[in-house]
């Protein structure tokens, strides 16, 4: 038996209200968590970043149907790898631009990459691949962008989600990192709005994180990242 129209409308309104509440709570939590992560003692950055991922990812799984329905198969893997490759190419260009034209750009890029010397590279890779990368996609696309697209429409919602993702990085005080986050966020938000599956974006985010941060940085950096003691 088909559900009465009135009941469907009530349920839809309730779902929209719950999504709006989760969005508001999530954005406030993200701002606080990112401030604590980037402003706290540097030697424990990766522990704090992992906790941020666990918290925001868990909120997404608890409140977003899209986050709970993530599927990763051969198609998602292929799309994700292609997306990560395209984003890496964009960042190669951006790295050269920042080093040449952004005041203090080279120093800011170096400051970002010093984070990979705090813990061992295998540990950082594991954190990025199993918690941080997936959690960011579940939260920023699966919860935040889904709610914003439902409320404001597909492309306007995507633009707002990209702005929110870049905005939480303002607390870092690193203009280059803020710009990089804005570009990456716009890339993944646009793909999600265009219909690329969330699972593919999880693959993209994880691959890009590990590749650009640990395997092949976009430009020359001083010092060799040694495996730090755990």
Protein backbone atom coordinates (compact mmCIF):
# COMPACT_ATOMS: atom_id res chain seq x y z
CA UNK A 1 0.00 0.00 0.00
CA UNK A 2 1.33 3.42 -0.97
CA UNK A 3 2.14 5.80 1.85
CA UNK A 4 -0.34 8.71 2.09
CA UNK A 5 0.94 11.96 0.57
CA UNK A 6 0.50 13.88 3.83
CA UNK A 7 2.56 11.38 5.75
CA UNK A 8 5.32 11.50 3.14
CA UNK A 9 5.42 15.28 3.42
CA UNK A 10 5.65 15.15 7.20
CA UNK A 11 8.44 12.60 7.04
CA UNK A 12 10.29 14.65 4.40
CA UNK A 13 10.03 17.78 6.54
CA UNK A 14 11.28 15.86 9.56
CA UNK A 15 14.22 14.46 7.57
CA UNK A 16 15.09 17.94 6.29
CA UNK A 17 14.93 19.34 9.81
CA UNK A 18 17.19 16.59 11.13
CA UNK A 19 19.64 17.16 8.28
CA UNK A 20 19.68 20.89 9.00
CA UNK A 21 20.37 20.26 12.66
CA UNK A 22 23.18 17.82 11.87
CA UNK A 23 24.64 20.34 9.42
CA UNK A 24 24.68 23.15 11.98
CA UNK A 25 26.20 20.96 14.69
CA UNK A 26 28.71 19.54 12.25
CA UNK A 27 29.94 22.89 10.97
CA UNK A 28 30.43 24.24 14.48
CA UNK A 29 32.17 21.03 15.54
CA UNK A 30 34.42 21.16 12.46
CA UNK A 31 35.47 24.74 13.16
CA UNK A 32 36.32 23.94 16.77
CA UNK A 33 38.07 20.68 15.89
CA UNK A 34 40.19 22.18 13.10
CA UNK A 35 41.21 25.09 15.33
CA UNK A 36 42.28 22.66 18.05
CA UNK A 37 44.06 20.42 15.53
CA UNK A 38 46.14 23.12 13.86
CA UNK A 39 46.66 25.38 16.86
CA UNK A 40 47.62 22.71 19.40
CA UNK A 41 51.11 21.33 20.11
CA UNK A 42 52.67 20.42 16.78
CA UNK A 43 54.18 17.13 17.94
CA UNK A 44 50.71 15.68 18.48
CA UNK A 45 49.17 17.01 15.26
CA UNK A 46 48.45 13.58 13.77
CA UNK A 47 46.79 12.29 16.93
CA UNK A 48 44.49 15.32 16.97
CA UNK A 49 43.79 15.08 13.24
CA UNK A 50 42.84 11.43 13.66
CA UNK A 51 40.47 12.25 16.51
CA UNK A 52 38.92 15.01 14.39
CA UNK A 53 38.35 12.50 11.61
CA UNK A 54 36.82 9.97 13.97
CA UNK A 55 34.48 12.58 15.43
CA UNK A 56 33.30 14.16 12.19
CA UNK A 57 33.15 10.85 10.34
CA UNK A 58 31.07 9.28 13.11
CA UNK A 59 28.67 12.24 13.03
CA UNK A 60 28.26 11.78 9.28
CA UNK A 61 27.58 8.06 9.61
CA UNK A 62 25.05 8.68 12.37
CA UNK A 63 23.12 11.41 10.55
CA UNK A 64 23.64 11.04 6.78
CA UNK A 65 22.09 8.31 4.67
CA UNK A 66 24.49 9.12 1.83
CA UNK A 67 27.49 8.54 4.10
CA UNK A 68 26.14 5.17 5.23
CA UNK A 69 25.55 4.03 1.64
CA UNK A 70 29.11 4.47 0.39
CA UNK A 71 30.16 1.71 -2.00
CA UNK A 72 33.65 1.20 -3.40
CA UNK A 73 33.98 -1.12 -6.37
CA UNK A 74 36.09 -1.18 -9.55
CA UNK A 75 34.21 1.78 -11.06
CA UNK A 76 34.71 3.90 -7.94
CA UNK A 77 38.39 2.98 -7.79
CA UNK A 78 38.93 3.97 -11.42
CA UNK A 79 37.09 7.26 -11.07
CA UNK A 80 38.86 8.01 -7.81
CA UNK A 81 42.33 7.44 -9.23
CA UNK A 82 41.56 9.61 -12.26
CA UNK A 83 40.22 12.36 -10.00
CA UNK A 84 43.31 12.24 -7.78
CA UNK A 85 45.60 12.43 -10.83
CA UNK A 86 43.75 15.48 -12.17
CA UNK A 87 43.92 17.22 -8.80
CA UNK A 88 47.63 16.45 -8.49
CA UNK A 89 48.22 18.09 -11.87
CA UNK A 90 46.36 21.17 -10.68
CA UNK A 91 48.50 21.32 -7.56
CA UNK A 92 51.74 21.03 -9.54
CA UNK A 93 50.75 24.26 -11.28
CA UNK A 94 49.56 25.82 -8.02
CA UNK A 95 52.80 24.96 -6.22
CA UNK A 96 54.89 26.75 -8.84
CA UNK A 97 52.57 29.76 -8.72
CA UNK A 98 52.61 30.00 -4.92
CA UNK A 99 56.40 29.74 -4.71
CA UNK A 100 56.85 32.49 -7.28
CA UNK A 101 54.04 34.94 -6.63
CA UNK A 102 52.66 34.43 -3.10
CA UNK A 103 54.66 36.31 -0.43
CA UNK A 104 56.14 33.65 1.84
CA UNK A 105 54.60 30.92 -0.32
CA UNK A 106 57.69 28.70 -0.35
CA UNK A 107 58.05 28.92 3.43
CA UNK A 108 54.35 28.14 3.92
CA UNK A 109 54.59 25.09 1.67
CA UNK A 110 57.66 23.92 3.57
CA UNK A 111 55.80 24.39 6.86
CA UNK A 112 53.01 22.11 5.65
CA UNK A 113 55.43 19.40 4.58
CA UNK A 114 57.30 19.41 7.88
CA UNK A 115 54.21 17.73 9.35
CA UNK A 116 55.27 14.52 7.60
CA UNK A 117 58.41 14.35 9.75
CA UNK A 118 56.53 14.28 13.08
CA UNK A 119 55.56 10.60 12.88
CA UNK A 120 56.76 7.69 10.78
CA UNK A 121 55.60 7.68 7.18
CA UNK A 122 53.87 4.26 7.45
CA UNK A 123 51.91 5.53 10.47
CA UNK A 124 50.88 8.75 8.72
CA UNK A 125 49.85 6.80 5.61
CA UNK A 126 47.73 4.46 7.73
CA UNK A 127 46.03 7.37 9.49
CA UNK A 128 45.32 9.13 6.18
CA UNK A 129 44.05 6.01 4.42
CA UNK A 130 41.91 4.45 7.13
CA UNK A 131 40.48 7.42 9.04
CA UNK A 132 41.36 10.97 8.00
CA UNK A 133 40.76 10.80 4.24
CA UNK A 134 37.56 8.69 4.32
CA UNK A 135 36.14 10.68 7.25
CA UNK A 136 36.61 13.99 5.44
CA UNK A 137 34.61 12.76 2.45
CA UNK A 138 31.86 11.23 4.59
CA UNK A 139 31.53 14.50 6.50
CA UNK A 140 32.13 17.24 3.90
CA UNK A 141 30.38 15.60 0.96
CA UNK A 142 28.15 12.99 2.58
CA UNK A 143 26.77 15.24 5.32
CA UNK A 144 27.59 18.91 4.63
CA UNK A 145 27.22 19.03 0.86
CA UNK A 146 24.20 16.71 0.82
CA UNK A 147 22.38 18.96 3.28
CA UNK A 148 23.35 22.15 1.46
CA UNK A 149 22.36 20.79 -1.96
CA UNK A 150 19.02 19.70 -0.57
CA UNK A 151 18.39 23.18 0.79
CA UNK A 152 19.93 25.43 -1.89
CA UNK A 153 20.13 23.29 -5.01
CA UNK A 154 22.89 21.18 -6.50
CA UNK A 155 25.45 23.75 -7.66
CA UNK A 156 24.78 26.48 -5.13
CA UNK A 157 24.97 23.87 -2.38
CA UNK A 158 28.24 22.58 -3.83
CA UNK A 159 29.71 26.10 -3.85
CA UNK A 160 28.67 26.65 -0.24
CA UNK A 161 30.15 23.29 0.79
CA UNK A 162 33.46 24.12 -0.90
CA UNK A 163 33.50 27.49 0.84
CA UNK A 164 32.86 25.85 4.21
CA UNK A 165 35.63 23.30 3.64
CA UNK A 166 38.15 25.96 2.74
CA UNK A 167 36.92 28.24 5.50
CA UNK A 168 37.76 25.92 8.37
CA UNK A 169 41.40 26.09 7.27
CA UNK A 170 41.58 29.84 7.94
CA UNK A 171 42.55 29.01 11.54
CA UNK A 172 45.85 27.56 10.30
CA UNK A 173 47.14 31.06 9.55
CA UNK A 174 48.77 29.55 6.45
CA UNK A 175 47.45 31.32 3.36
CA UNK A 176 48.87 28.70 1.00
CA UNK A 177 47.21 25.86 2.91
CA UNK A 178 43.93 27.80 2.96
CA UNK A 179 44.12 28.25 -0.81
CA UNK A 180 45.05 24.61 -1.36
CA UNK A 181 42.12 23.44 0.76
CA UNK A 182 39.79 25.71 -1.18
CA UNK A 183 40.94 24.28 -4.52
CA UNK A 184 40.74 20.67 -3.35
CA UNK A 185 37.34 21.25 -1.78
CA UNK A 186 36.01 22.86 -4.97
CA UNK A 187 37.33 19.90 -6.99
CA UNK A 188 35.61 17.23 -4.90
CA UNK A 189 32.43 19.27 -4.38
CA UNK A 190 32.05 19.87 -8.12
CA UNK A 191 32.53 16.18 -8.87
CA UNK A 192 29.98 15.18 -6.25
CA UNK A 193 27.47 17.70 -7.58
CA UNK A 194 28.06 16.32 -11.07
CA UNK A 195 27.10 12.84 -9.88
CA UNK A 196 30.43 11.17 -9.14
CA UNK A 197 29.76 8.56 -6.42
CA UNK A 198 30.89 9.30 -2.89
CA UNK A 199 32.91 6.08 -2.86
CA UNK A 200 34.99 7.37 -5.78
CA UNK A 201 35.69 10.59 -3.88
CA UNK A 202 36.84 8.59 -0.86
CA UNK A 203 39.33 6.81 -3.13
CA UNK A 204 40.36 10.13 -4.66
CA UNK A 205 40.87 11.85 -1.31
CA UNK A 206 42.90 9.01 0.20
CA UNK A 207 45.05 8.54 -2.92
CA UNK A 208 45.71 12.26 -3.27
CA UNK A 209 46.54 12.69 0.44
CA UNK A 210 49.06 9.87 0.51
CA UNK A 211 50.58 10.66 -2.89
CA UNK A 212 51.05 14.42 -2.55
CA UNK A 213 52.03 14.36 1.09
CA UNK A 214 54.22 11.27 1.40
CA UNK A 215 55.13 9.91 -2.02
CA UNK A 216 55.55 12.73 -4.51
CA UNK A 217 55.33 16.31 -3.19
CA UNK A 218 54.49 18.90 -5.83
CA UNK A 219 57.80 20.74 -5.57
CA UNK A 220 61.21 20.63 -3.98
CA UNK A 221 61.24 20.63 -0.20
CA UNK A 222 64.22 20.98 2.06
CA UNK A 223 65.25 18.11 4.27
CA UNK A 224 64.52 14.44 3.84
CA UNK A 225 61.51 13.05 5.77
CA UNK A 226 63.01 10.47 8.09
CA UNK A 227 60.92 7.90 9.84
CA UNK A 228 60.36 9.46 13.24
CA UNK A 229 60.11 7.42 16.39
CA UNK A 230 56.53 6.53 17.24
